[in-house]
Amino acid sequence: MRHWRLANQLCQALAEPFALSVGEVGVSASIGVALFPLHAQEEAALIHCADQAMYQAKAEGRHRAVLYSPIGSTDAPTC
């Protein structure tokens, strides 16, 4: 599943601390994944599905990727 590998690599890369003039900082990501044409066939609908998955990732504790699921069950590996 390439989409999980890519989403997890992105989460991990963003989690690496980096130096600013005020000190070291870090960020985390909540990523929603929606697949064309599985989840939607139009751009706006696909973005909506990914957005819903992102909110699910945030609700599950952030710093993770969630695959959109129309019935509410998600597959959410932590980054």
PDB file of N, CA and C in Angstrom:
ATOM      1  N   MET A   1       0.834  -1.181   0.000  1.00  0.00           N
ATOM      2  CA  MET A   1       0.000   0.000   0.000  1.00  0.00           C
ATOM      3  C   MET A   1       0.886   1.254   0.000  1.00  0.00           C
ATOM      4  N   ARG A   2       1.106   1.770  -1.168  1.00  0.00           N
ATOM      5  CA  ARG A   2       1.979   2.933  -1.320  1.00  0.00           C
ATOM      6  C   ARG A   2       1.474   4.153  -0.573  1.00  0.00           C
ATOM      7  N   HIS A   3       0.159   4.333  -0.535  1.00  0.00           N
ATOM      8  CA  HIS A   3      -0.366   5.535   0.122  1.00  0.00           C
ATOM      9  C   HIS A   3      -0.018   5.571   1.604  1.00  0.00           C
ATOM     10  N   TRP A   4      -0.003   4.403   2.284  1.00  0.00           N
ATOM     11  CA  TRP A   4       0.362   4.384   3.702  1.00  0.00           C
ATOM     12  C   TRP A   4       1.836   4.688   3.885  1.00  0.00           C
ATOM     13  N   ARG A   5       2.667   4.107   3.019  1.00  0.00           N
ATOM     14  CA  ARG A   5       4.102   4.360   3.132  1.00  0.00           C
ATOM     15  C   ARG A   5       4.388   5.853   2.956  1.00  0.00           C
ATOM     16  N   LEU A   6       3.788   6.453   1.948  1.00  0.00           N
ATOM     17  CA  LEU A   6       3.992   7.883   1.695  1.00  0.00           C
ATOM     18  C   LEU A   6       3.466   8.736   2.846  1.00  0.00           C
ATOM     19  N   ALA A   7       2.255   8.443   3.322  1.00  0.00           N
ATOM     20  CA  ALA A   7       1.673   9.221   4.430  1.00  0.00           C
ATOM     21  C   ALA A   7       2.525   9.094   5.688  1.00  0.00           C
ATOM     22  N   ASN A   8       3.003   7.902   5.985  1.00  0.00           N
ATOM     23  CA  ASN A   8       3.827   7.706   7.176  1.00  0.00           C
ATOM     24  C   ASN A   8       5.186   8.372   7.034  1.00  0.00           C
ATOM     25  N   GLN A   9       5.781   8.321   5.839  1.00  0.00           N
ATOM     26  CA  GLN A   9       7.053   9.005   5.614  1.00  0.00           C
ATOM     27  C   GLN A   9       6.890  10.509   5.804  1.00  0.00           C
ATOM     28  N   LEU A  10       5.788  11.047   5.331  1.00  0.00           N
ATOM     29  CA  LEU A  10       5.522  12.469   5.496  1.00  0.00           C
ATOM     30  C   LEU A  10       5.354  12.825   6.980  1.00  0.00           C
ATOM     31  N   CYS A  11       4.594  12.037   7.719  1.00  0.00           N
ATOM     32  CA  CYS A  11       4.425  12.273   9.163  1.00  0.00           C
ATOM     33  C   CYS A  11       5.772  12.250   9.875  1.00  0.00           C
ATOM     34  N   GLN A  12       6.593  11.265   9.565  1.00  0.00           N
ATOM     35  CA  GLN A  12       7.888  11.127  10.220  1.00  0.00           C
ATOM     36  C   GLN A  12       8.818  12.282   9.865  1.00  0.00           C
ATOM     37  N   ALA A  13       8.823  12.683   8.606  1.00  0.00           N
ATOM     38  CA  ALA A  13       9.688  13.792   8.190  1.00  0.00           C
ATOM     39  C   ALA A  13       9.288  15.088   8.885  1.00  0.00           C
ATOM     40  N   LEU A  14       7.999  15.328   8.998  1.00  0.00           N
ATOM     41  CA  LEU A  14       7.532  16.546   9.656  1.00  0.00           C
ATOM     42  C   LEU A  14       7.797  16.524  11.156  1.00  0.00           C
ATOM     43  N   ALA A  15       7.877  15.349  11.747  1.00  0.00           N
ATOM     44  CA  ALA A  15       8.086  15.229  13.191  1.00  0.00           C
ATOM     45  C   ALA A  15       9.541  15.478  13.593  1.00  0.00           C
ATOM     46  N   GLU A  16      10.456  15.448  12.628  1.00  0.00           N
ATOM     47  CA  GLU A  16      11.863  15.707  12.949  1.00  0.00           C
ATOM     48  C   GLU A  16      12.028  17.152  13.410  1.00  0.00           C
ATOM     49  N   PRO A  17      12.642  17.352  14.583  1.00  0.00           N
ATOM     50  CA  PRO A  17      12.844  18.723  15.061  1.00  0.00           C
ATOM     51  C   PRO A  17      13.803  19.498  14.143  1.00  0.00           C
ATOM     52  N   PHE A  18      13.613  20.797  14.085  1.00  0.00           N
ATOM     53  CA  PHE A  18      14.520  21.629  13.296  1.00  0.00           C
ATOM     54  C   PHE A  18      14.820  22.905  14.068  1.00  0.00           C
ATOM     55  N   ALA A  19      15.966  23.486  13.733  1.00  0.00           N
ATOM     56  CA  ALA A  19      16.463  24.634  14.492  1.00  0.00           C
ATOM     57  C   ALA A  19      15.982  25.947  13.883  1.00  0.00           C
ATOM     58  N   LEU A  20      15.525  26.827  14.747  1.00  0.00           N
ATOM     59  CA  LEU A  20      15.215  28.212  14.407  1.00  0.00           C
ATOM     60  C   LEU A  20      16.063  29.101  15.303  1.00  0.00           C
ATOM     61  N   SER A  21      16.067  30.377  15.025  1.00  0.00           N
ATOM     62  CA  SER A  21      16.863  31.293  15.846  1.00  0.00           C
ATOM     63  C   SER A  21      16.397  31.310  17.302  1.00  0.00           C
ATOM     64  N   VAL A  22      15.144  30.964  17.552  1.00  0.00           N
ATOM     65  CA  VAL A  22      14.610  30.960  18.916  1.00  0.00           C
ATOM     66  C   VAL A  22      14.766  29.609  19.602  1.00  0.00           C
ATOM     67  N   GLY A  23      15.276  28.625  18.892  1.00  0.00           N
ATOM     68  CA  GLY A  23      15.463  27.297  19.466  1.00  0.00           C
ATOM     69  C   GLY A  23      14.944  26.209  18.542  1.00  0.00           C
ATOM     70  N   GLU A  24      14.969  25.001  19.049  1.00  0.00           N
ATOM     71  CA  GLU A  24      14.529  23.850  18.269  1.00  0.00           C
ATOM     72  C   GLU A  24      13.007  23.716  18.347  1.00  0.00           C
ATOM     73  N   VAL A  25      12.380  23.440  17.217  1.00  0.00           N
ATOM     74  CA  VAL A  25      10.928  23.274  17.163  1.00  0.00           C
ATOM     75  C   VAL A  25      10.593  22.013  16.376  1.00  0.00           C
ATOM     76  N   GLY A  26       9.393  21.548  16.557  1.00  0.00           N
ATOM     77  CA  GLY A  26       8.911  20.393  15.822  1.00  0.00           C
ATOM     78  C   GLY A  26       7.437  20.552  15.516  1.00  0.00           C
ATOM     79  N   VAL A  27       6.993  19.849  14.542  1.00  0.00           N
ATOM     80  CA  VAL A  27       5.581  19.863  14.177  1.00  0.00           C
ATOM     81  C   VAL A  27       5.110  18.424  14.017  1.00  0.00           C
ATOM     82  N   SER A  28       3.826  18.236  13.994  1.00  0.00           N
ATOM     83  CA  SER A  28       3.261  16.921  13.703  1.00  0.00           C
ATOM     84  C   SER A  28       2.171  17.103  12.656  1.00  0.00           C
ATOM     85  N   ALA A  29       1.755  15.996  12.081  1.00  0.00           N
ATOM     86  CA  ALA A  29       0.752  16.066  11.021  1.00  0.00           C
ATOM     87  C   ALA A  29      -0.383  15.092  11.281  1.00  0.00           C
ATOM     88  N   SER A  30      -1.563  15.515  10.905  1.00  0.00           N
ATOM     89  CA  SER A  30      -2.726  14.641  10.848  1.00  0.00           C
ATOM     90  C   SER A  30      -3.102  14.586   9.371  1.00  0.00           C
ATOM     91  N   ILE A  31      -2.991  13.394   8.788  1.00  0.00           N
ATOM     92  CA  ILE A  31      -3.162  13.262   7.344  1.00  0.00           C
ATOM     93  C   ILE A  31      -4.392  12.425   7.035  1.00  0.00           C
ATOM     94  N   GLY A  32      -5.238  12.959   6.168  1.00  0.00           N
ATOM     95  CA  GLY A  32      -6.394  12.225   5.673  1.00  0.00           C
ATOM     96  C   GLY A  32      -6.113  11.741   4.266  1.00  0.00           C
ATOM     97  N   VAL A  33      -6.337  10.451   4.032  1.00  0.00           N
ATOM     98  CA  VAL A  33      -6.070   9.847   2.731  1.00  0.00           C
ATOM     99  C   VAL A  33      -7.394   9.418   2.100  1.00  0.00           C
ATOM    100  N   ALA A  34      -7.622   9.866   0.874  1.00  0.00           N
ATOM    101  CA  ALA A  34      -8.768   9.429   0.079  1.00  0.00           C
ATOM    102  C   ALA A  34      -8.228   9.050  -1.296  1.00  0.00           C
ATOM    103  N   LEU A  35      -8.726   7.969  -1.842  1.00  0.00           N
ATOM    104  CA  LEU A  35      -8.184   7.424  -3.082  1.00  0.00           C
ATOM    105  C   LEU A  35      -9.158   7.580  -4.253  1.00  0.00           C
ATOM    106  N   PHE A  36      -8.628   8.022  -5.368  1.00  0.00           N
ATOM    107  CA  PHE A  36      -9.379   8.110  -6.618  1.00  0.00           C
ATOM    108  C   PHE A  36      -9.194   6.812  -7.372  1.00  0.00           C
ATOM    109  N   PRO A  37     -10.210   6.205  -7.888  1.00  0.00           N
ATOM    110  CA  PRO A  37     -11.634   6.531  -7.862  1.00  0.00           C
ATOM    111  C   PRO A  37     -12.398   5.792  -6.767  1.00  0.00           C
ATOM    112  N   LEU A  38     -11.679   5.135  -5.854  1.00  0.00           N
ATOM    113  CA  LEU A  38     -12.333   4.329  -4.823  1.00  0.00           C
ATOM    114  C   LEU A  38     -13.293   5.130  -3.958  1.00  0.00           C
ATOM    115  N   HIS A  39     -12.861   6.296  -3.492  1.00  0.00           N
ATOM    116  CA  HIS A  39     -13.677   7.072  -2.562  1.00  0.00           C
ATOM    117  C   HIS A  39     -14.488   8.168  -3.229  1.00  0.00           C
ATOM    118  N   ALA A  40     -14.028   8.673  -4.349  1.00  0.00           N
ATOM    119  CA  ALA A  40     -14.762   9.712  -5.082  1.00  0.00           C
ATOM    120  C   ALA A  40     -14.160   9.838  -6.477  1.00  0.00           C
ATOM    121  N   GLN A  41     -14.975  10.339  -7.399  1.00  0.00           N
ATOM    122  CA  GLN A  41     -14.511  10.489  -8.770  1.00  0.00           C
ATOM    123  C   GLN A  41     -14.400  11.948  -9.187  1.00  0.00           C
ATOM    124  N   GLU A  42     -14.878  12.849  -8.358  1.00  0.00           N
ATOM    125  CA  GLU A  42     -14.769  14.276  -8.650  1.00  0.00           C
ATOM    126  C   GLU A  42     -13.839  14.920  -7.630  1.00  0.00           C
ATOM    127  N   GLU A  43     -13.112  15.927  -8.068  1.00  0.00           N
ATOM    128  CA  GLU A  43     -12.099  16.579  -7.239  1.00  0.00           C
ATOM    129  C   GLU A  43     -12.652  17.066  -5.905  1.00  0.00           C
ATOM    130  N   ALA A  44     -13.743  17.787  -5.925  1.00  0.00           N
ATOM    131  CA  ALA A  44     -14.300  18.348  -4.688  1.00  0.00           C
ATOM    132  C   ALA A  44     -14.723  17.249  -3.718  1.00  0.00           C
ATOM    133  N   ALA A  45     -15.308  16.195  -4.236  1.00  0.00           N
ATOM    134  CA  ALA A  45     -15.737  15.085  -3.386  1.00  0.00           C
ATOM    135  C   ALA A  45     -14.535  14.349  -2.801  1.00  0.00           C
ATOM    136  N   LEU A  46     -13.483  14.196  -3.587  1.00  0.00           N
ATOM    137  CA  LEU A  46     -12.272  13.526  -3.107  1.00  0.00           C
ATOM    138  C   LEU A  46     -11.611  14.341  -1.993  1.00  0.00           C
ATOM    139  N   ILE A  47     -11.543  15.640  -2.176  1.00  0.00           N
ATOM    140  CA  ILE A  47     -10.993  16.523  -1.139  1.00  0.00           C
ATOM    141  C   ILE A  47     -11.839  16.445   0.122  1.00  0.00           C
ATOM    142  N   HIS A  48     -13.156  16.409  -0.030  1.00  0.00           N
ATOM    143  CA  HIS A  48     -14.055  16.291   1.121  1.00  0.00           C
ATOM    144  C   HIS A  48     -13.780  14.989   1.881  1.00  0.00           C
ATOM    145  N   CYS A  49     -13.605  13.894   1.175  1.00  0.00           N
ATOM    146  CA  CYS A  49     -13.325  12.607   1.818  1.00  0.00           C
ATOM    147  C   CYS A  49     -11.997  12.653   2.573  1.00  0.00           C
ATOM    148  N   ALA A  50     -10.969  13.226   1.947  1.00  0.00           N
ATOM    149  CA  ALA A  50      -9.671  13.349   2.608  1.00  0.00           C
ATOM    150  C   ALA A  50      -9.777  14.240   3.845  1.00  0.00           C
ATOM    151  N   ASP A  51     -10.568  15.287   3.749  1.00  0.00           N
ATOM    152  CA  ASP A  51     -10.773  16.193   4.871  1.00  0.00           C
ATOM    153  C   ASP A  51     -11.447  15.458   6.034  1.00  0.00           C
ATOM    154  N   GLN A  52     -12.456  14.657   5.739  1.00  0.00           N
ATOM    155  CA  GLN A  52     -13.135  13.882   6.777  1.00  0.00           C
ATOM    156  C   GLN A  52     -12.158  12.925   7.466  1.00  0.00           C
ATOM    157  N   ALA A  53     -11.296  12.290   6.676  1.00  0.00           N
ATOM    158  CA  ALA A  53     -10.301  11.379   7.238  1.00  0.00           C
ATOM    159  C   ALA A  53      -9.296  12.138   8.109  1.00  0.00           C
ATOM    160  N   MET A  54      -8.925  13.353   7.690  1.00  0.00           N
ATOM    161  CA  MET A  54      -8.000  14.159   8.486  1.00  0.00           C
ATOM    162  C   MET A  54      -8.617  14.502   9.852  1.00  0.00           C
ATOM    163  N   TYR A  55      -9.900  14.861   9.872  1.00  0.00           N
ATOM    164  CA  TYR A  55     -10.559  15.160  11.148  1.00  0.00           C
ATOM    165  C   TYR A  55     -10.634  13.915  12.024  1.00  0.00           C
ATOM    166  N   GLN A  56     -10.785  12.756  11.403  1.00  0.00           N
ATOM    167  CA  GLN A  56     -10.769  11.500  12.162  1.00  0.00           C
ATOM    168  C   GLN A  56      -9.383  11.278  12.771  1.00  0.00           C
ATOM    169  N   ALA A  57      -8.322  11.578  12.007  1.00  0.00           N
ATOM    170  CA  ALA A  57      -6.952  11.449  12.517  1.00  0.00           C
ATOM    171  C   ALA A  57      -6.750  12.363  13.722  1.00  0.00           C
ATOM    172  N   LYS A  58      -7.248  13.575  13.638  1.00  0.00           N
ATOM    173  CA  LYS A  58      -7.138  14.514  14.762  1.00  0.00           C
ATOM    174  C   LYS A  58      -7.898  13.983  15.983  1.00  0.00           C
ATOM    175  N   ALA A  59      -9.085  13.431  15.758  1.00  0.00           N
ATOM    176  CA  ALA A  59      -9.900  12.908  16.855  1.00  0.00           C
ATOM    177  C   ALA A  59      -9.248  11.693  17.519  1.00  0.00           C
ATOM    178  N   GLU A  60      -8.449  10.966  16.770  1.00  0.00           N
ATOM    179  CA  GLU A  60      -7.797   9.766  17.301  1.00  0.00           C
ATOM    180  C   GLU A  60      -6.450  10.061  17.951  1.00  0.00           C
ATOM    181  N   GLY A  61      -6.107  11.316  18.105  1.00  0.00           N
ATOM    182  CA  GLY A  61      -4.900  11.651  18.827  1.00  0.00           C
ATOM    183  C   GLY A  61      -3.834  12.351  18.018  1.00  0.00           C
ATOM    184  N   ARG A  62      -4.104  12.693  16.794  1.00  0.00           N
ATOM    185  CA  ARG A  62      -3.164  13.427  15.945  1.00  0.00           C
ATOM    186  C   ARG A  62      -1.928  12.605  15.624  1.00  0.00           C
ATOM    187  N   HIS A  63      -1.036  13.201  14.843  1.00  0.00           N
ATOM    188  CA  HIS A  63       0.225  12.587  14.418  1.00  0.00           C
ATOM    189  C   HIS A  63      -0.003  11.188  13.832  1.00  0.00           C
ATOM    190  N   ARG A  64      -0.918  11.118  12.877  1.00  0.00           N
ATOM    191  CA  ARG A  64      -1.232   9.840  12.238  1.00  0.00           C
ATOM    192  C   ARG A  64      -1.879  10.086  10.887  1.00  0.00           C
ATOM    193  N   ALA A  65      -1.957   9.025  10.119  1.00  0.00           N
ATOM    194  CA  ALA A  65      -2.660   9.058   8.835  1.00  0.00           C
ATOM    195  C   ALA A  65      -3.882   8.154   8.944  1.00  0.00           C
ATOM    196  N   VAL A  66      -4.978   8.600   8.361  1.00  0.00           N
ATOM    197  CA  VAL A  66      -6.217   7.826   8.378  1.00  0.00           C
ATOM    198  C   VAL A  66      -6.737   7.710   6.949  1.00  0.00           C
ATOM    199  N   LEU A  67      -7.105   6.506   6.575  1.00  0.00           N
ATOM    200  CA  LEU A  67      -7.720   6.243   5.281  1.00  0.00           C
ATOM    201  C   LEU A  67      -9.218   6.480   5.399  1.00  0.00           C
ATOM    202  N   TYR A  68      -9.780   7.261   4.480  1.00  0.00           N
ATOM    203  CA  TYR A  68     -11.210   7.564   4.498  1.00  0.00           C
ATOM    204  C   TYR A  68     -12.029   6.287   4.472  1.00  0.00           C
ATOM    205  N   SER A  69     -13.070   6.262   5.258  1.00  0.00           N
ATOM    206  CA  SER A  69     -14.007   5.151   5.271  1.00  0.00           C
ATOM    207  C   SER A  69     -15.423   5.722   5.318  1.00  0.00           C
ATOM    208  N   PRO A  70     -16.246   5.393   4.337  1.00  0.00           N
ATOM    209  CA  PRO A  70     -17.596   5.952   4.318  1.00  0.00           C
ATOM    210  C   PRO A  70     -18.502   5.473   5.442  1.00  0.00           C
ATOM    211  N   ILE A  71     -18.132   4.394   6.113  1.00  0.00           N
ATOM    212  CA  ILE A  71     -18.991   3.881   7.185  1.00  0.00           C
ATOM    213  C   ILE A  71     -18.460   4.195   8.577  1.00  0.00           C
ATOM    214  N   GLY A  72     -17.402   5.009   8.646  1.00  0.00           N
ATOM    215  CA  GLY A  72     -16.922   5.450   9.947  1.00  0.00           C
ATOM    216  C   GLY A  72     -15.798   4.635  10.533  1.00  0.00           C
ATOM    217  N   SER A  73     -15.563   3.408  10.075  1.00  0.00           N
ATOM    218  CA  SER A  73     -14.428   2.669  10.591  1.00  0.00           C
ATOM    219  C   SER A  73     -13.204   3.040   9.792  1.00  0.00           C
ATOM    220  N   THR A  74     -12.093   3.279  10.491  1.00  0.00           N
ATOM    221  CA  THR A  74     -10.889   3.722   9.804  1.00  0.00           C
ATOM    222  C   THR A  74      -9.708   2.843  10.147  1.00  0.00           C
ATOM    223  N   ASP A  75      -8.727   2.893   9.302  1.00  0.00           N
ATOM    224  CA  ASP A  75      -7.458   2.212   9.521  1.00  0.00           C
ATOM    225  C   ASP A  75      -6.472   3.317   9.827  1.00  0.00           C
ATOM    226  N   ALA A  76      -6.001   3.424  11.065  1.00  0.00           N
ATOM    227  CA  ALA A  76      -5.225   4.576  11.475  1.00  0.00           C
ATOM    228  C   ALA A  76      -3.898   4.213  12.127  1.00  0.00           C
ATOM    229  N   PRO A  77      -2.900   3.917  11.336  1.00  0.00           N
ATOM    230  CA  PRO A  77      -1.607   3.658  11.949  1.00  0.00           C
ATOM    231  C   PRO A  77      -0.998   4.947  12.473  1.00  0.00           C
ATOM    232  N   THR A  78      -0.387   4.887  13.638  1.00  0.00           N
ATOM    233  CA  THR A  78       0.310   6.046  14.172  1.00  0.00           C
ATOM    234  C   THR A  78       1.639   6.191  13.467  1.00  0.00           C
ATOM    235  N   CYS A  79       2.001   7.411  13.122  1.00  0.00           N
ATOM    236  CA  CYS A  79       3.277   7.664  12.443  1.00  0.00           C
ATOM    237  C   CYS A  79       4.429   7.378  13.370  1.00  0.00           C
TER     238      CYS A  79
END
